[in-house]
């Protein structure tokens, strides 16, 4: 599953776009990245909680 997600992100060049945004505007990019990672973490925690039940 993770492999497919990374392949899909690579296909859309999401990783490259994030890297370019991070290096061109580090302060804004860092704040947005922190928000995105917090959202991803909530999603992973919710999935983890449902998988344990």
PDB file of N, CA and C in Angstrom:
ATOM      1  N   UNK A   1       0.813  -1.188   0.000  1.00  0.00           N
ATOM      2  CA  UNK A   1       0.000   0.000   0.000  1.00  0.00           C
ATOM      3  C   UNK A   1       0.861   1.257   0.000  1.00  0.00           C
ATOM      4  N   UNK A   2       1.839   1.335   0.900  1.00  0.00           N
ATOM      5  CA  UNK A   2       2.702   2.522   0.964  1.00  0.00           C
ATOM      6  C   UNK A   2       3.504   2.679  -0.308  1.00  0.00           C
ATOM      7  N   UNK A   3       3.940   1.557  -0.854  1.00  0.00           N
ATOM      8  CA  UNK A   3       4.709   1.592  -2.087  1.00  0.00           C
ATOM      9  C   UNK A   3       3.879   2.194  -3.217  1.00  0.00           C
ATOM     10  N   UNK A   4       2.619   1.804  -3.290  1.00  0.00           N
ATOM     11  CA  UNK A   4       1.727   2.349  -4.315  1.00  0.00           C
ATOM     12  C   UNK A   4       1.505   3.845  -4.102  1.00  0.00           C
ATOM     13  N   UNK A   5       1.373   4.253  -2.847  1.00  0.00           N
ATOM     14  CA  UNK A   5       1.182   5.672  -2.542  1.00  0.00           C
ATOM     15  C   UNK A   5       2.397   6.484  -2.978  1.00  0.00           C
ATOM     16  N   UNK A   6       3.589   5.987  -2.680  1.00  0.00           N
ATOM     17  CA  UNK A   6       4.805   6.699  -3.082  1.00  0.00           C
ATOM     18  C   UNK A   6       4.969   6.709  -4.601  1.00  0.00           C
ATOM     19  N   UNK A   7       4.611   5.617  -5.244  1.00  0.00           N
ATOM     20  CA  UNK A   7       4.670   5.583  -6.710  1.00  0.00           C
ATOM     21  C   UNK A   7       3.707   6.599  -7.316  1.00  0.00           C
ATOM     22  N   UNK A   8       2.505   6.689  -6.745  1.00  0.00           N
ATOM     23  CA  UNK A   8       1.516   7.651  -7.224  1.00  0.00           C
ATOM     24  C   UNK A   8       2.006   9.080  -7.009  1.00  0.00           C
ATOM     25  N   UNK A   9       2.558   9.355  -5.829  1.00  0.00           N
ATOM     26  CA  UNK A   9       3.098  10.690  -5.540  1.00  0.00           C
ATOM     27  C   UNK A   9       4.249  11.022  -6.478  1.00  0.00           C
ATOM     28  N   UNK A  10       5.073  10.038  -6.764  1.00  0.00           N
ATOM     29  CA  UNK A  10       6.189  10.240  -7.687  1.00  0.00           C
ATOM     30  C   UNK A  10       5.668  10.520  -9.091  1.00  0.00           C
ATOM     31  N   UNK A  11       4.621   9.815  -9.480  1.00  0.00           N
ATOM     32  CA  UNK A  11       4.024  10.014 -10.805  1.00  0.00           C
ATOM     33  C   UNK A  11       3.490  11.442 -10.947  1.00  0.00           C
ATOM     34  N   UNK A  12       2.914  11.971  -9.895  1.00  0.00           N
ATOM     35  CA  UNK A  12       2.375  13.334  -9.934  1.00  0.00           C
ATOM     36  C   UNK A  12       3.444  14.378  -9.623  1.00  0.00           C
ATOM     37  N   UNK A  13       4.630  13.943  -9.324  1.00  0.00           N
ATOM     38  CA  UNK A  13       5.759  14.804  -8.962  1.00  0.00           C
ATOM     39  C   UNK A  13       5.454  15.656  -7.729  1.00  0.00           C
ATOM     40  N   UNK A  14       4.709  15.065  -6.805  1.00  0.00           N
ATOM     41  CA  UNK A  14       4.361  15.759  -5.569  1.00  0.00           C
ATOM     42  C   UNK A  14       5.611  16.005  -4.741  1.00  0.00           C
ATOM     43  N   UNK A  15       6.475  15.016  -4.671  1.00  0.00           N
ATOM     44  CA  UNK A  15       7.673  15.137  -3.850  1.00  0.00           C
ATOM     45  C   UNK A  15       8.571  16.250  -4.381  1.00  0.00           C
ATOM     46  N   UNK A  16       8.734  16.334  -5.683  1.00  0.00           N
ATOM     47  CA  UNK A  16       9.539  17.402  -6.276  1.00  0.00           C
ATOM     48  C   UNK A  16       8.935  18.767  -6.040  1.00  0.00           C
ATOM     49  N   UNK A  17       7.623  18.867  -6.150  1.00  0.00           N
ATOM     50  CA  UNK A  17       6.951  20.147  -5.925  1.00  0.00           C
ATOM     51  C   UNK A  17       7.103  20.596  -4.479  1.00  0.00           C
ATOM     52  N   UNK A  18       7.003  19.671  -3.553  1.00  0.00           N
ATOM     53  CA  UNK A  18       7.187  20.011  -2.138  1.00  0.00           C
ATOM     54  C   UNK A  18       8.624  20.452  -1.882  1.00  0.00           C
ATOM     55  N   UNK A  19       9.566  19.766  -2.476  1.00  0.00           N
ATOM     56  CA  UNK A  19      10.974  20.141  -2.292  1.00  0.00           C
ATOM     57  C   UNK A  19      11.250  21.536  -2.846  1.00  0.00           C
ATOM     58  N   UNK A  20      10.720  21.838  -4.016  1.00  0.00           N
ATOM     59  CA  UNK A  20      10.928  23.164  -4.612  1.00  0.00           C
ATOM     60  C   UNK A  20      10.293  24.240  -3.730  1.00  0.00           C
ATOM     61  N   UNK A  21       9.078  24.006  -3.253  1.00  0.00           N
ATOM     62  CA  UNK A  21       8.406  24.980  -2.392  1.00  0.00           C
ATOM     63  C   UNK A  21       9.168  25.178  -1.089  1.00  0.00           C
ATOM     64  N   UNK A  22       9.694  24.096  -0.557  1.00  0.00           N
ATOM     65  CA  UNK A  22      10.422  24.185   0.704  1.00  0.00           C
ATOM     66  C   UNK A  22      11.698  24.997   0.559  1.00  0.00           C
ATOM     67  N   UNK A  23      12.415  24.784  -0.522  1.00  0.00           N
ATOM     68  CA  UNK A  23      13.675  25.492  -0.700  1.00  0.00           C
ATOM     69  C   UNK A  23      13.489  26.932  -1.158  1.00  0.00           C
ATOM     70  N   UNK A  24      12.402  27.230  -1.871  1.00  0.00           N
ATOM     71  CA  UNK A  24      12.217  28.585  -2.371  1.00  0.00           C
ATOM     72  C   UNK A  24      11.641  29.515  -1.317  1.00  0.00           C
ATOM     73  N   UNK A  25      10.789  29.023  -0.458  1.00  0.00           N
ATOM     74  CA  UNK A  25      10.193  29.832   0.609  1.00  0.00           C
ATOM     75  C   UNK A  25      10.174  29.000   1.886  1.00  0.00           C
ATOM     76  N   UNK A  26      11.304  28.878   2.553  1.00  0.00           N
ATOM     77  CA  UNK A  26      11.395  27.936   3.668  1.00  0.00           C
ATOM     78  C   UNK A  26      10.445  28.227   4.831  1.00  0.00           C
ATOM     79  N   UNK A  27      10.205  29.488   5.171  1.00  0.00           N
ATOM     80  CA  UNK A  27       9.334  29.784   6.308  1.00  0.00           C
ATOM     81  C   UNK A  27       7.887  29.402   6.030  1.00  0.00           C
ATOM     82  N   UNK A  28       7.368  29.810   4.873  1.00  0.00           N
ATOM     83  CA  UNK A  28       5.992  29.487   4.516  1.00  0.00           C
ATOM     84  C   UNK A  28       5.832  27.986   4.311  1.00  0.00           C
ATOM     85  N   UNK A  29       6.801  27.398   3.650  1.00  0.00           N
ATOM     86  CA  UNK A  29       6.727  25.964   3.368  1.00  0.00           C
ATOM     87  C   UNK A  29       6.777  25.146   4.651  1.00  0.00           C
ATOM     88  N   UNK A  30       7.605  25.557   5.585  1.00  0.00           N
ATOM     89  CA  UNK A  30       7.715  24.828   6.847  1.00  0.00           C
ATOM     90  C   UNK A  30       6.396  24.871   7.615  1.00  0.00           C
ATOM     91  N   UNK A  31       5.744  26.025   7.622  1.00  0.00           N
ATOM     92  CA  UNK A  31       4.463  26.145   8.317  1.00  0.00           C
ATOM     93  C   UNK A  31       3.397  25.273   7.652  1.00  0.00           C
ATOM     94  N   UNK A  32       3.351  25.300   6.342  1.00  0.00           N
ATOM     95  CA  UNK A  32       2.366  24.479   5.629  1.00  0.00           C
ATOM     96  C   UNK A  32       2.669  22.994   5.793  1.00  0.00           C
ATOM     97  N   UNK A  33       3.950  22.652   5.734  1.00  0.00           N
ATOM     98  CA  UNK A  33       4.339  21.252   5.904  1.00  0.00           C
ATOM     99  C   UNK A  33       3.954  20.752   7.287  1.00  0.00           C
ATOM    100  N   UNK A  34       4.122  21.585   8.303  1.00  0.00           N
ATOM    101  CA  UNK A  34       3.729  21.201   9.658  1.00  0.00           C
ATOM    102  C   UNK A  34       2.228  20.957   9.731  1.00  0.00           C
ATOM    103  N   UNK A  35       1.434  21.797   9.065  1.00  0.00           N
ATOM    104  CA  UNK A  35      -0.016  21.606   9.039  1.00  0.00           C
ATOM    105  C   UNK A  35      -0.386  20.304   8.337  1.00  0.00           C
ATOM    106  N   UNK A  36       0.249  20.055   7.215  1.00  0.00           N
ATOM    107  CA  UNK A  36      -0.035  18.833   6.454  1.00  0.00           C
ATOM    108  C   UNK A  36       0.360  17.600   7.256  1.00  0.00           C
ATOM    109  N   UNK A  37       1.515  17.634   7.873  1.00  0.00           N
ATOM    110  CA  UNK A  37       1.959  16.483   8.664  1.00  0.00           C
ATOM    111  C   UNK A  37       1.051  16.244   9.856  1.00  0.00           C
ATOM    112  N   UNK A  38       0.530  17.308  10.467  1.00  0.00           N
ATOM    113  CA  UNK A  38      -0.408  17.152  11.573  1.00  0.00           C
ATOM    114  C   UNK A  38      -1.687  16.466  11.079  1.00  0.00           C
ATOM    115  N   UNK A  39      -2.149  16.856   9.903  1.00  0.00           N
ATOM    116  CA  UNK A  39      -3.329  16.208   9.323  1.00  0.00           C
ATOM    117  C   UNK A  39      -3.081  14.755   8.989  1.00  0.00           C
ATOM    118  N   UNK A  40      -1.921  14.466   8.442  1.00  0.00           N
ATOM    119  CA  UNK A  40      -1.568  13.075   8.123  1.00  0.00           C
ATOM    120  C   UNK A  40      -1.490  12.252   9.402  1.00  0.00           C
ATOM    121  N   UNK A  41      -0.924  12.832  10.436  1.00  0.00           N
ATOM    122  CA  UNK A  41      -0.795  12.128  11.707  1.00  0.00           C
ATOM    123  C   UNK A  41      -2.172  11.807  12.288  1.00  0.00           C
ATOM    124  N   UNK A  42      -3.115  12.747  12.206  1.00  0.00           N
ATOM    125  CA  UNK A  42      -4.473  12.482  12.685  1.00  0.00           C
ATOM    126  C   UNK A  42      -5.109  11.339  11.903  1.00  0.00           C
ATOM    127  N   UNK A  43      -4.888  11.327  10.601  1.00  0.00           N
ATOM    128  CA  UNK A  43      -5.446  10.274   9.767  1.00  0.00           C
ATOM    129  C   UNK A  43      -4.853   8.918  10.137  1.00  0.00           C
ATOM    130  N   UNK A  44      -3.547   8.872  10.310  1.00  0.00           N
ATOM    131  CA  UNK A  44      -2.877   7.620  10.678  1.00  0.00           C
ATOM    132  C   UNK A  44      -3.348   7.138  12.049  1.00  0.00           C
ATOM    133  N   UNK A  45      -3.505   8.064  12.991  1.00  0.00           N
ATOM    134  CA  UNK A  45      -3.983   7.686  14.323  1.00  0.00           C
ATOM    135  C   UNK A  45      -5.402   7.129  14.250  1.00  0.00           C
ATOM    136  N   UNK A  46      -6.258   7.748  13.443  1.00  0.00           N
ATOM    137  CA  UNK A  46      -7.629   7.263  13.296  1.00  0.00           C
ATOM    138  C   UNK A  46      -7.647   5.874  12.656  1.00  0.00           C
ATOM    139  N   UNK A  47      -6.836   5.678  11.633  1.00  0.00           N
ATOM    140  CA  UNK A  47      -6.750   4.354  11.000  1.00  0.00           C
ATOM    141  C   UNK A  47      -6.228   3.311  11.976  1.00  0.00           C
ATOM    142  N   UNK A  48      -5.226   3.698  12.741  1.00  0.00           N
ATOM    143  CA  UNK A  48      -4.650   2.783  13.724  1.00  0.00           C
ATOM    144  C   UNK A  48      -5.683   2.398  14.779  1.00  0.00           C
ATOM    145  N   UNK A  49      -6.453   3.366  15.231  1.00  0.00           N
ATOM    146  CA  UNK A  49      -7.469   3.085  16.240  1.00  0.00           C
ATOM    147  C   UNK A  49      -8.538   2.146  15.682  1.00  0.00           C
ATOM    148  N   UNK A  50      -8.913   2.306  14.441  1.00  0.00           N
ATOM    149  CA  UNK A  50      -9.940   1.454  13.838  1.00  0.00           C
ATOM    150  C   UNK A  50      -9.401   0.051  13.554  1.00  0.00           C
ATOM    151  N   UNK A  51      -8.142  -0.054  13.247  1.00  0.00           N
ATOM    152  CA  UNK A  51      -7.566  -1.365  12.937  1.00  0.00           C
ATOM    153  C   UNK A  51      -7.407  -2.203  14.197  1.00  0.00           C
ATOM    154  N   UNK A  52      -7.259  -1.580  15.341  1.00  0.00           N
ATOM    155  CA  UNK A  52      -7.075  -2.307  16.595  1.00  0.00           C
ATOM    156  C   UNK A  52      -8.386  -2.918  17.062  1.00  0.00           C
ATOM    157  N   UNK A  53      -9.507  -2.266  16.751  1.00  0.00           N
ATOM    158  CA  UNK A  53     -10.821  -2.756  17.217  1.00  0.00           C
ATOM    159  C   UNK A  53     -11.164  -4.083  16.653  1.00  0.00           C
TER     160      UNK A  53
END
